[in-house]
Amino acid sequence: METIPEETVAGLEATTRDAQTVTQEGELVQELLDGVRIRAATTQLDERGSVCEIYSPDWDFTDEPVVWIYQATIRPGQIKGWVLHLEQDDRLFFSTGDVKVVLYDARPDSPTFGRLNVHTFGEAHRALLRIPAGVYHALQNVGREDALFVNLPTKPYRHEDPDKYRLPLDTPEIPYRL
């Protein structure tokens, strides 16, 4: 295959070249925000169907116990966020649909303060994601079907006093537009 000299391609000066996003082994090259963890999930298939583990204390993924679990969906094209917790971490497991997750570190004492992470999870890339307290997050269904995720937060939900703080999607506080 022959290489084309840059100067022979019309309009090339108006383009931007893609940056590397993964290694040859498929590992993400972006630095995770401090405290964020991702554990890829393996789906086992046989003639009867499939099974995919969501969480095990043997994984050493987190020290906090499982105290509450809920399932949520996001309709196609819809966004949930920006949300922030001060007292709990979220542990989200993505299994169905395609969800873009944007994280923004709002913790002034964090070594990754002011940085963003963007990930996509779903049926083709099932994973357990830990989002620490103090990190804003927004989830966008970028697929054509309802997306489903399970949350195993580190604290049970307090209906009378929720640990949930919101910003509008177009907030100037976060340098990202969904």
N, C-alpha and C. Protein backbone atom coordinates (compact mmCIF):
# COMPACT_ATOMS: atom_id res chain seq x y z
N MET A 1 0.84 -1.18 0.00
CA MET A 1 0.00 0.00 0.00
C MET A 1 0.88 1.24 0.00
N GLU A 2 0.52 2.16 -0.82
CA GLU A 2 1.32 3.37 -0.99
C GLU A 2 0.79 4.47 -0.07
N THR A 3 1.70 5.28 0.50
CA THR A 3 1.35 6.41 1.33
C THR A 3 1.13 7.63 0.45
N ILE A 4 0.09 8.37 0.69
CA ILE A 4 -0.21 9.57 -0.08
C ILE A 4 0.42 10.76 0.63
N PRO A 5 1.20 11.57 -0.07
CA PRO A 5 1.80 12.76 0.56
C PRO A 5 0.71 13.74 1.02
N GLU A 6 0.87 14.28 2.22
CA GLU A 6 -0.13 15.19 2.79
C GLU A 6 -0.46 16.35 1.88
N GLU A 7 0.55 16.90 1.22
CA GLU A 7 0.33 18.09 0.39
C GLU A 7 -0.51 17.82 -0.85
N THR A 8 -0.75 16.55 -1.16
CA THR A 8 -1.55 16.23 -2.36
C THR A 8 -3.03 16.02 -2.05
N VAL A 9 -3.43 16.15 -0.80
CA VAL A 9 -4.82 15.93 -0.41
C VAL A 9 -5.50 17.28 -0.17
N ALA A 10 -6.49 17.59 -0.98
CA ALA A 10 -7.21 18.85 -0.85
C ALA A 10 -7.99 18.89 0.46
N GLY A 11 -7.92 20.03 1.15
CA GLY A 11 -8.70 20.23 2.37
C GLY A 11 -8.14 19.59 3.62
N LEU A 12 -6.99 18.93 3.52
CA LEU A 12 -6.43 18.23 4.69
C LEU A 12 -6.11 19.20 5.83
N GLU A 13 -5.74 20.44 5.49
CA GLU A 13 -5.38 21.41 6.53
C GLU A 13 -6.58 21.77 7.41
N ALA A 14 -7.79 21.54 6.96
CA ALA A 14 -8.99 21.85 7.74
C ALA A 14 -9.43 20.68 8.63
N THR A 15 -8.73 19.57 8.54
CA THR A 15 -9.12 18.39 9.32
C THR A 15 -8.37 18.34 10.64
N THR A 16 -8.84 17.50 11.53
CA THR A 16 -8.09 17.17 12.75
C THR A 16 -7.84 15.68 12.73
N ARG A 17 -6.66 15.30 13.13
CA ARG A 17 -6.29 13.89 13.13
C ARG A 17 -6.78 13.24 14.42
N ASP A 18 -7.31 12.04 14.31
CA ASP A 18 -7.77 11.31 15.50
C ASP A 18 -6.60 11.06 16.45
N ALA A 19 -6.88 11.19 17.74
CA ALA A 19 -5.90 10.85 18.76
C ALA A 19 -6.06 9.38 19.13
N GLN A 20 -5.01 8.78 19.64
CA GLN A 20 -5.08 7.39 20.08
C GLN A 20 -6.05 7.28 21.24
N THR A 21 -6.93 6.27 21.21
CA THR A 21 -7.89 6.04 22.29
C THR A 21 -7.66 4.72 23.00
N VAL A 22 -7.06 3.74 22.28
CA VAL A 22 -6.79 2.42 22.87
C VAL A 22 -5.41 1.94 22.43
N THR A 23 -4.85 1.01 23.20
CA THR A 23 -3.60 0.37 22.82
C THR A 23 -3.90 -0.76 21.85
N GLN A 24 -2.85 -1.40 21.33
CA GLN A 24 -3.05 -2.55 20.44
C GLN A 24 -3.77 -3.68 21.16
N GLU A 25 -3.66 -3.74 22.49
CA GLU A 25 -4.33 -4.77 23.28
C GLU A 25 -5.77 -4.40 23.63
N GLY A 26 -6.21 -3.22 23.21
CA GLY A 26 -7.57 -2.80 23.46
C GLY A 26 -7.78 -2.07 24.77
N GLU A 27 -6.69 -1.74 25.47
CA GLU A 27 -6.80 -1.01 26.74
C GLU A 27 -6.96 0.49 26.46
N LEU A 28 -7.84 1.15 27.23
CA LEU A 28 -8.03 2.59 27.08
C LEU A 28 -6.75 3.32 27.44
N VAL A 29 -6.44 4.40 26.74
CA VAL A 29 -5.25 5.18 27.05
C VAL A 29 -5.57 6.39 27.93
N GLN A 30 -6.85 6.76 28.06
CA GLN A 30 -7.17 7.91 28.91
C GLN A 30 -6.94 7.55 30.37
N GLU A 31 -6.39 8.50 31.12
CA GLU A 31 -6.18 8.30 32.55
C GLU A 31 -7.52 8.40 33.25
N LEU A 32 -7.83 7.40 34.08
CA LEU A 32 -9.08 7.44 34.82
C LEU A 32 -9.01 8.51 35.90
N LEU A 33 -10.15 9.12 36.18
CA LEU A 33 -10.23 10.06 37.28
C LEU A 33 -9.88 9.33 38.57
N ASP A 34 -9.31 10.03 39.51
CA ASP A 34 -8.91 9.44 40.78
C ASP A 34 -10.10 8.75 41.44
N GLY A 35 -9.94 7.49 41.77
CA GLY A 35 -10.99 6.72 42.44
C GLY A 35 -11.95 6.01 41.51
N VAL A 36 -11.95 6.35 40.23
CA VAL A 36 -12.81 5.67 39.26
C VAL A 36 -12.19 4.31 38.96
N ARG A 37 -13.02 3.29 38.93
CA ARG A 37 -12.55 1.94 38.57
C ARG A 37 -13.51 1.37 37.54
N ILE A 38 -12.95 0.56 36.64
CA ILE A 38 -13.75 -0.16 35.66
C ILE A 38 -13.31 -1.62 35.68
N ARG A 39 -14.27 -2.52 35.78
CA ARG A 39 -13.98 -3.94 35.69
C ARG A 39 -14.81 -4.51 34.55
N ALA A 40 -14.11 -4.92 33.50
CA ALA A 40 -14.80 -5.51 32.36
C ALA A 40 -15.51 -6.79 32.81
N ALA A 41 -16.65 -7.04 32.22
CA ALA A 41 -17.45 -8.22 32.57
C ALA A 41 -17.44 -9.21 31.40
N THR A 42 -17.30 -10.47 31.73
CA THR A 42 -17.31 -11.51 30.72
C THR A 42 -18.68 -12.18 30.71
N THR A 43 -19.24 -12.33 29.52
CA THR A 43 -20.50 -13.02 29.37
C THR A 43 -20.22 -14.44 28.90
N GLN A 44 -20.75 -15.40 29.62
CA GLN A 44 -20.59 -16.81 29.26
C GLN A 44 -21.83 -17.26 28.49
N LEU A 45 -21.63 -17.88 27.34
CA LEU A 45 -22.73 -18.33 26.50
C LEU A 45 -22.72 -19.83 26.35
N ASP A 46 -23.90 -20.42 26.29
CA ASP A 46 -24.04 -21.81 25.87
C ASP A 46 -25.40 -21.95 25.19
N GLU A 47 -25.78 -23.17 24.87
CA GLU A 47 -27.02 -23.38 24.11
C GLU A 47 -28.27 -22.95 24.88
N ARG A 48 -28.17 -22.81 26.20
CA ARG A 48 -29.33 -22.43 27.01
C ARG A 48 -29.51 -20.92 27.13
N GLY A 49 -28.42 -20.16 26.93
CA GLY A 49 -28.49 -18.72 27.09
C GLY A 49 -27.16 -18.17 27.57
N SER A 50 -27.22 -17.18 28.45
CA SER A 50 -25.99 -16.52 28.91
C SER A 50 -26.07 -16.21 30.39
N VAL A 51 -24.89 -15.97 30.96
CA VAL A 51 -24.78 -15.49 32.34
C VAL A 51 -23.61 -14.51 32.38
N CYS A 52 -23.82 -13.42 33.12
CA CYS A 52 -22.78 -12.40 33.25
C CYS A 52 -22.76 -11.96 34.71
N GLU A 53 -21.64 -12.16 35.37
CA GLU A 53 -21.52 -11.75 36.77
C GLU A 53 -21.48 -10.23 36.87
N ILE A 54 -22.20 -9.70 37.86
CA ILE A 54 -22.24 -8.26 38.08
C ILE A 54 -21.25 -7.84 39.14
N TYR A 55 -21.18 -8.58 40.24
CA TYR A 55 -20.33 -8.17 41.36
C TYR A 55 -19.98 -9.37 42.23
N SER A 56 -18.76 -9.37 42.71
CA SER A 56 -18.33 -10.36 43.71
C SER A 56 -17.33 -9.69 44.65
N PRO A 57 -17.47 -9.90 45.95
CA PRO A 57 -16.49 -9.32 46.88
C PRO A 57 -15.09 -9.90 46.65
N ASP A 58 -14.99 -11.06 46.02
CA ASP A 58 -13.69 -11.66 45.73
C ASP A 58 -12.87 -10.87 44.71
N TRP A 59 -13.50 -9.98 43.97
CA TRP A 59 -12.80 -9.21 42.94
C TRP A 59 -11.91 -8.11 43.50
N ASP A 60 -12.05 -7.76 44.77
CA ASP A 60 -11.30 -6.65 45.36
C ASP A 60 -11.56 -5.35 44.60
N PHE A 61 -12.78 -5.18 44.16
CA PHE A 61 -13.18 -3.99 43.41
C PHE A 61 -13.43 -2.81 44.34
N THR A 62 -13.95 -3.12 45.54
CA THR A 62 -14.28 -2.09 46.51
C THR A 62 -14.33 -2.72 47.90
N ASP A 63 -14.09 -1.91 48.91
CA ASP A 63 -14.17 -2.38 50.30
C ASP A 63 -15.59 -2.26 50.86
N GLU A 64 -16.40 -1.40 50.27
CA GLU A 64 -17.74 -1.15 50.79
C GLU A 64 -18.66 -2.33 50.49
N PRO A 65 -19.53 -2.66 51.44
CA PRO A 65 -20.47 -3.76 51.20
C PRO A 65 -21.58 -3.36 50.24
N VAL A 66 -22.27 -4.34 49.71
CA VAL A 66 -23.46 -4.09 48.90
C VAL A 66 -24.62 -3.88 49.88
N VAL A 67 -25.22 -2.68 49.86
CA VAL A 67 -26.27 -2.34 50.82
C VAL A 67 -27.61 -2.05 50.17
N TRP A 68 -27.60 -1.84 48.86
CA TRP A 68 -28.83 -1.49 48.16
C TRP A 68 -28.56 -1.67 46.68
N ILE A 69 -29.54 -2.16 45.94
CA ILE A 69 -29.39 -2.38 44.51
C ILE A 69 -30.67 -1.92 43.81
N TYR A 70 -30.50 -1.22 42.69
CA TYR A 70 -31.66 -0.91 41.87
C TYR A 70 -31.27 -0.95 40.40
N GLN A 71 -32.29 -1.11 39.57
CA GLN A 71 -32.13 -1.16 38.12
C GLN A 71 -32.82 0.06 37.52
N ALA A 72 -32.22 0.63 36.48
CA ALA A 72 -32.81 1.79 35.81
C ALA A 72 -32.65 1.63 34.30
N THR A 73 -33.48 2.33 33.57
CA THR A 73 -33.38 2.34 32.12
C THR A 73 -33.24 3.78 31.64
N ILE A 74 -32.73 3.91 30.42
CA ILE A 74 -32.65 5.20 29.74
C ILE A 74 -33.21 4.98 28.33
N ARG A 75 -34.17 5.76 27.96
CA ARG A 75 -34.77 5.63 26.63
C ARG A 75 -33.80 6.16 25.56
N PRO A 76 -33.94 5.69 24.32
CA PRO A 76 -33.03 6.12 23.26
C PRO A 76 -32.96 7.64 23.14
N GLY A 77 -31.74 8.16 23.06
CA GLY A 77 -31.52 9.59 22.91
C GLY A 77 -31.64 10.40 24.19
N GLN A 78 -32.07 9.79 25.27
CA GLN A 78 -32.28 10.53 26.52
C GLN A 78 -31.00 10.57 27.36
N ILE A 79 -30.94 11.55 28.28
CA ILE A 79 -29.77 11.76 29.13
C ILE A 79 -30.22 11.84 30.58
N LYS A 80 -29.50 11.19 31.45
CA LYS A 80 -29.68 11.32 32.90
C LYS A 80 -28.42 11.97 33.44
N GLY A 81 -28.57 13.09 34.08
CA GLY A 81 -27.41 13.80 34.63
C GLY A 81 -27.64 15.28 34.46
N TRP A 82 -26.72 16.07 34.83
CA TRP A 82 -25.54 15.88 35.65
C TRP A 82 -25.96 15.63 37.10
N VAL A 83 -25.40 14.60 37.71
CA VAL A 83 -25.70 14.22 39.08
C VAL A 83 -24.40 14.11 39.86
N LEU A 84 -24.48 14.47 41.14
CA LEU A 84 -23.33 14.40 42.03
C LEU A 84 -23.81 13.87 43.38
N HIS A 85 -23.01 13.03 44.00
CA HIS A 85 -23.26 12.57 45.36
C HIS A 85 -22.12 13.05 46.24
N LEU A 86 -22.43 13.38 47.50
CA LEU A 86 -21.41 13.80 48.45
C LEU A 86 -21.08 12.70 49.45
N GLU A 87 -22.00 11.76 49.67
CA GLU A 87 -21.83 10.76 50.71
C GLU A 87 -21.68 9.34 50.19
N GLN A 88 -21.90 9.10 48.94
CA GLN A 88 -21.87 7.72 48.42
C GLN A 88 -21.12 7.64 47.11
N ASP A 89 -20.62 6.47 46.83
CA ASP A 89 -20.10 6.15 45.50
C ASP A 89 -21.19 5.38 44.77
N ASP A 90 -21.26 5.57 43.46
CA ASP A 90 -22.12 4.74 42.63
C ASP A 90 -21.27 3.62 42.06
N ARG A 91 -21.87 2.44 41.95
CA ARG A 91 -21.23 1.31 41.28
C ARG A 91 -22.24 0.85 40.24
N LEU A 92 -22.03 1.26 39.00
CA LEU A 92 -22.99 1.02 37.93
C LEU A 92 -22.54 -0.15 37.07
N PHE A 93 -23.47 -1.06 36.79
CA PHE A 93 -23.21 -2.18 35.90
C PHE A 93 -24.06 -2.01 34.67
N PHE A 94 -23.42 -1.97 33.50
CA PHE A 94 -24.09 -1.77 32.22
C PHE A 94 -24.17 -3.09 31.48
N SER A 95 -25.40 -3.45 31.05
CA SER A 95 -25.55 -4.76 30.41
C SER A 95 -26.32 -4.73 29.10
N THR A 96 -27.21 -3.78 28.93
CA THR A 96 -28.08 -3.77 27.75
C THR A 96 -28.15 -2.36 27.18
N GLY A 97 -28.07 -2.24 25.87
CA GLY A 97 -28.11 -0.94 25.23
C GLY A 97 -26.70 -0.37 25.12
N ASP A 98 -26.62 0.88 24.69
CA ASP A 98 -25.34 1.57 24.54
C ASP A 98 -25.41 2.88 25.30
N VAL A 99 -24.56 3.03 26.30
CA VAL A 99 -24.60 4.20 27.17
C VAL A 99 -23.26 4.91 27.17
N LYS A 100 -23.30 6.21 26.82
CA LYS A 100 -22.11 7.04 26.98
C LYS A 100 -22.15 7.59 28.40
N VAL A 101 -21.05 7.43 29.13
CA VAL A 101 -20.93 7.92 30.49
C VAL A 101 -19.86 9.01 30.51
N VAL A 102 -20.24 10.19 30.97
CA VAL A 102 -19.29 11.29 31.07
C VAL A 102 -19.11 11.60 32.55
N LEU A 103 -17.85 11.64 32.98
CA LEU A 103 -17.51 11.90 34.38
C LEU A 103 -16.70 13.20 34.45
N TYR A 104 -17.00 14.03 35.45
CA TYR A 104 -16.26 15.28 35.65
C TYR A 104 -15.86 15.36 37.12
N ASP A 105 -14.56 15.45 37.37
CA ASP A 105 -14.04 15.47 38.74
C ASP A 105 -14.16 16.87 39.33
N ALA A 106 -15.08 17.04 40.29
CA ALA A 106 -15.32 18.33 40.93
C ALA A 106 -14.71 18.41 42.33
N ARG A 107 -13.80 17.48 42.65
CA ARG A 107 -13.18 17.45 43.98
C ARG A 107 -11.89 18.27 43.98
N PRO A 108 -11.89 19.43 44.64
CA PRO A 108 -10.70 20.30 44.61
C PRO A 108 -9.41 19.63 45.11
N ASP A 109 -9.52 18.68 46.02
CA ASP A 109 -8.32 18.01 46.55
C ASP A 109 -7.89 16.80 45.74
N SER A 110 -8.59 16.49 44.67
CA SER A 110 -8.28 15.32 43.85
C SER A 110 -7.14 15.63 42.88
N PRO A 111 -6.25 14.66 42.64
CA PRO A 111 -5.19 14.88 41.65
C PRO A 111 -5.73 14.99 40.22
N THR A 112 -6.99 14.61 40.02
CA THR A 112 -7.59 14.73 38.68
C THR A 112 -8.69 15.80 38.65
N PHE A 113 -8.66 16.74 39.60
CA PHE A 113 -9.65 17.81 39.67
C PHE A 113 -9.75 18.54 38.33
N GLY A 114 -11.01 18.74 37.87
CA GLY A 114 -11.26 19.48 36.64
C GLY A 114 -11.14 18.67 35.37
N ARG A 115 -10.82 17.39 35.49
CA ARG A 115 -10.67 16.54 34.30
C ARG A 115 -11.96 15.78 34.00
N LEU A 116 -12.05 15.34 32.75
CA LEU A 116 -13.19 14.57 32.26
C LEU A 116 -12.76 13.16 31.88
N ASN A 117 -13.67 12.22 31.99
CA ASN A 117 -13.54 10.89 31.39
C ASN A 117 -14.81 10.65 30.59
N VAL A 118 -14.67 10.02 29.43
CA VAL A 118 -15.82 9.64 28.61
C VAL A 118 -15.66 8.16 28.27
N HIS A 119 -16.69 7.38 28.56
CA HIS A 119 -16.67 5.94 28.31
C HIS A 119 -17.99 5.54 27.65
N THR A 120 -17.96 4.43 26.93
CA THR A 120 -19.19 3.86 26.38
C THR A 120 -19.27 2.41 26.83
N PHE A 121 -20.40 2.05 27.40
CA PHE A 121 -20.63 0.69 27.90
C PHE A 121 -21.92 0.15 27.31
N GLY A 122 -22.09 -1.16 27.39
CA GLY A 122 -23.32 -1.77 26.93
C GLY A 122 -23.14 -3.25 26.68
N GLU A 123 -24.03 -3.79 25.89
CA GLU A 123 -24.04 -5.23 25.64
C GLU A 123 -22.72 -5.74 25.07
N ALA A 124 -22.10 -4.94 24.20
CA ALA A 124 -20.83 -5.35 23.61
C ALA A 124 -19.64 -5.05 24.51
N HIS A 125 -19.85 -4.24 25.53
CA HIS A 125 -18.78 -3.88 26.47
C HIS A 125 -19.38 -3.76 27.87
N ARG A 126 -19.80 -4.89 28.41
CA ARG A 126 -20.37 -4.90 29.76
C ARG A 126 -19.27 -4.63 30.77
N ALA A 127 -19.63 -3.85 31.80
CA ALA A 127 -18.62 -3.51 32.80
C ALA A 127 -19.29 -2.99 34.06
N LEU A 128 -18.52 -3.07 35.15
CA LEU A 128 -18.89 -2.46 36.42
C LEU A 128 -18.03 -1.21 36.57
N LEU A 129 -18.67 -0.07 36.81
CA LEU A 129 -18.00 1.22 36.89
C LEU A 129 -18.22 1.80 38.28
N ARG A 130 -17.13 2.19 38.94
CA ARG A 130 -17.23 2.85 40.25
C ARG A 130 -17.02 4.34 40.04
N ILE A 131 -18.00 5.15 40.50
CA ILE A 131 -17.93 6.60 40.42
C ILE A 131 -17.87 7.14 41.84
N PRO A 132 -16.74 7.71 42.24
CA PRO A 132 -16.60 8.21 43.62
C PRO A 132 -17.48 9.42 43.91
N ALA A 133 -17.79 9.62 45.17
CA ALA A 133 -18.48 10.83 45.62
C ALA A 133 -17.67 12.03 45.16
N GLY A 134 -18.37 13.08 44.74
CA GLY A 134 -17.69 14.29 44.29
C GLY A 134 -17.41 14.33 42.81
N VAL A 135 -17.79 13.28 42.08
CA VAL A 135 -17.61 13.24 40.62
C VAL A 135 -18.99 13.36 39.96
N TYR A 136 -19.19 14.44 39.21
CA TYR A 136 -20.43 14.59 38.45
C TYR A 136 -20.47 13.52 37.37
N HIS A 137 -21.67 13.03 37.09
CA HIS A 137 -21.81 12.05 36.02
C HIS A 137 -23.12 12.26 35.28
N ALA A 138 -23.03 11.97 33.96
CA ALA A 138 -24.20 12.02 33.09
C ALA A 138 -24.15 10.77 32.22
N LEU A 139 -25.32 10.19 31.97
CA LEU A 139 -25.44 8.97 31.18
C LEU A 139 -26.37 9.26 30.00
N GLN A 140 -25.90 8.97 28.80
CA GLN A 140 -26.69 9.21 27.60
C GLN A 140 -26.86 7.90 26.83
N ASN A 141 -28.10 7.58 26.51
CA ASN A 141 -28.37 6.42 25.68
C ASN A 141 -28.04 6.81 24.24
N VAL A 142 -26.99 6.21 23.70
CA VAL A 142 -26.56 6.51 22.33
C VAL A 142 -26.98 5.40 21.37
N GLY A 143 -27.82 4.49 21.83
CA GLY A 143 -28.29 3.39 20.99
C GLY A 143 -29.71 3.59 20.51
N ARG A 144 -30.27 2.54 19.93
CA ARG A 144 -31.61 2.61 19.36
C ARG A 144 -32.66 1.90 20.22
N GLU A 145 -32.22 1.25 21.28
CA GLU A 145 -33.10 0.53 22.19
C GLU A 145 -32.96 1.12 23.59
N ASP A 146 -33.89 0.79 24.48
CA ASP A 146 -33.72 1.19 25.87
C ASP A 146 -32.41 0.62 26.38
N ALA A 147 -31.69 1.42 27.16
CA ALA A 147 -30.47 0.96 27.82
C ALA A 147 -30.81 0.65 29.27
N LEU A 148 -30.14 -0.33 29.83
CA LEU A 148 -30.41 -0.77 31.19
C LEU A 148 -29.11 -0.79 31.98
N PHE A 149 -29.17 -0.31 33.22
CA PHE A 149 -28.03 -0.44 34.12
C PHE A 149 -28.53 -0.76 35.51
N VAL A 150 -27.64 -1.35 36.29
CA VAL A 150 -27.92 -1.69 37.68
C VAL A 150 -26.96 -0.86 38.53
N ASN A 151 -27.47 -0.25 39.62
CA ASN A 151 -26.62 0.50 40.53
C ASN A 151 -26.55 -0.24 41.86
N LEU A 152 -25.34 -0.35 42.38
CA LEU A 152 -25.07 -0.95 43.70
C LEU A 152 -24.38 0.13 44.54
N PRO A 153 -25.09 1.23 44.88
CA PRO A 153 -24.42 2.33 45.59
C PRO A 153 -23.90 1.89 46.94
N THR A 154 -22.95 2.67 47.45
CA THR A 154 -22.32 2.31 48.73
C THR A 154 -23.17 2.67 49.94
N LYS A 155 -24.24 3.42 49.73
CA LYS A 155 -25.18 3.74 50.82
C LYS A 155 -26.60 3.58 50.31
N PRO A 156 -27.51 3.13 51.18
CA PRO A 156 -28.91 3.03 50.75
C PRO A 156 -29.50 4.41 50.48
N TYR A 157 -30.47 4.44 49.60
CA TYR A 157 -31.15 5.69 49.27
C TYR A 157 -31.97 6.18 50.47
N ARG A 158 -31.84 7.47 50.77
CA ARG A 158 -32.66 8.09 51.82
C ARG A 158 -33.77 8.88 51.14
N HIS A 159 -34.95 8.32 51.12
CA HIS A 159 -36.06 8.97 50.43
C HIS A 159 -36.37 10.34 51.01
N GLU A 160 -36.23 10.51 52.33
CA GLU A 160 -36.56 11.78 52.99
C GLU A 160 -35.45 12.82 52.84
N ASP A 161 -34.23 12.41 52.48
CA ASP A 161 -33.09 13.33 52.38
C ASP A 161 -32.07 12.77 51.38
N PRO A 162 -32.40 12.80 50.08
CA PRO A 162 -31.52 12.19 49.07
C PRO A 162 -30.15 12.85 48.98
N ASP A 163 -29.13 12.03 48.83
CA ASP A 163 -27.77 12.50 48.57
C ASP A 163 -27.60 12.63 47.06
N LYS A 164 -28.34 13.55 46.48
CA LYS A 164 -28.32 13.71 45.03
C LYS A 164 -28.41 15.19 44.71
N TYR A 165 -27.40 15.70 44.00
CA TYR A 165 -27.32 17.10 43.62
C TYR A 165 -27.24 17.15 42.10
N ARG A 166 -27.97 18.10 41.49
CA ARG A 166 -28.07 18.14 40.02
C ARG A 166 -27.64 19.50 39.47
N LEU A 167 -27.08 19.44 38.27
CA LEU A 167 -26.81 20.62 37.47
C LEU A 167 -27.56 20.44 36.14
N PRO A 168 -27.95 21.55 35.49
CA PRO A 168 -28.57 21.41 34.18
C PRO A 168 -27.56 20.87 33.16
N LEU A 169 -28.05 20.22 32.11
CA LEU A 169 -27.17 19.63 31.11
C LEU A 169 -26.27 20.66 30.44
N ASP A 170 -26.75 21.89 30.28
CA ASP A 170 -25.97 22.92 29.59
C ASP A 170 -25.18 23.81 30.55
N THR A 171 -24.90 23.31 31.75
CA THR A 171 -24.20 24.11 32.75
C THR A 171 -22.81 24.54 32.27
N PRO A 172 -22.43 25.76 32.57
CA PRO A 172 -21.06 26.19 32.26
C PRO A 172 -20.04 25.62 33.26
N GLU A 173 -20.51 24.98 34.32
CA GLU A 173 -19.62 24.42 35.35
C GLU A 173 -18.84 23.20 34.85
N ILE A 174 -19.36 22.54 33.81
CA ILE A 174 -18.72 21.33 33.29
C ILE A 174 -18.38 21.55 31.82
N PRO A 175 -17.11 21.39 31.45
CA PRO A 175 -16.69 21.69 30.07
C PRO A 175 -16.99 20.56 29.09
N TYR A 176 -18.25 20.16 29.01
CA TYR A 176 -18.65 19.08 28.10
C TYR A 176 -20.11 19.27 27.75
N ARG A 177 -20.46 19.08 26.50
CA ARG A 177 -21.85 19.17 26.05
C ARG A 177 -22.31 17.83 25.53
N LEU A 178 -23.41 17.34 26.08
CA LEU A 178 -24.00 16.09 25.63
C LEU A 178 -24.99 16.36 24.52
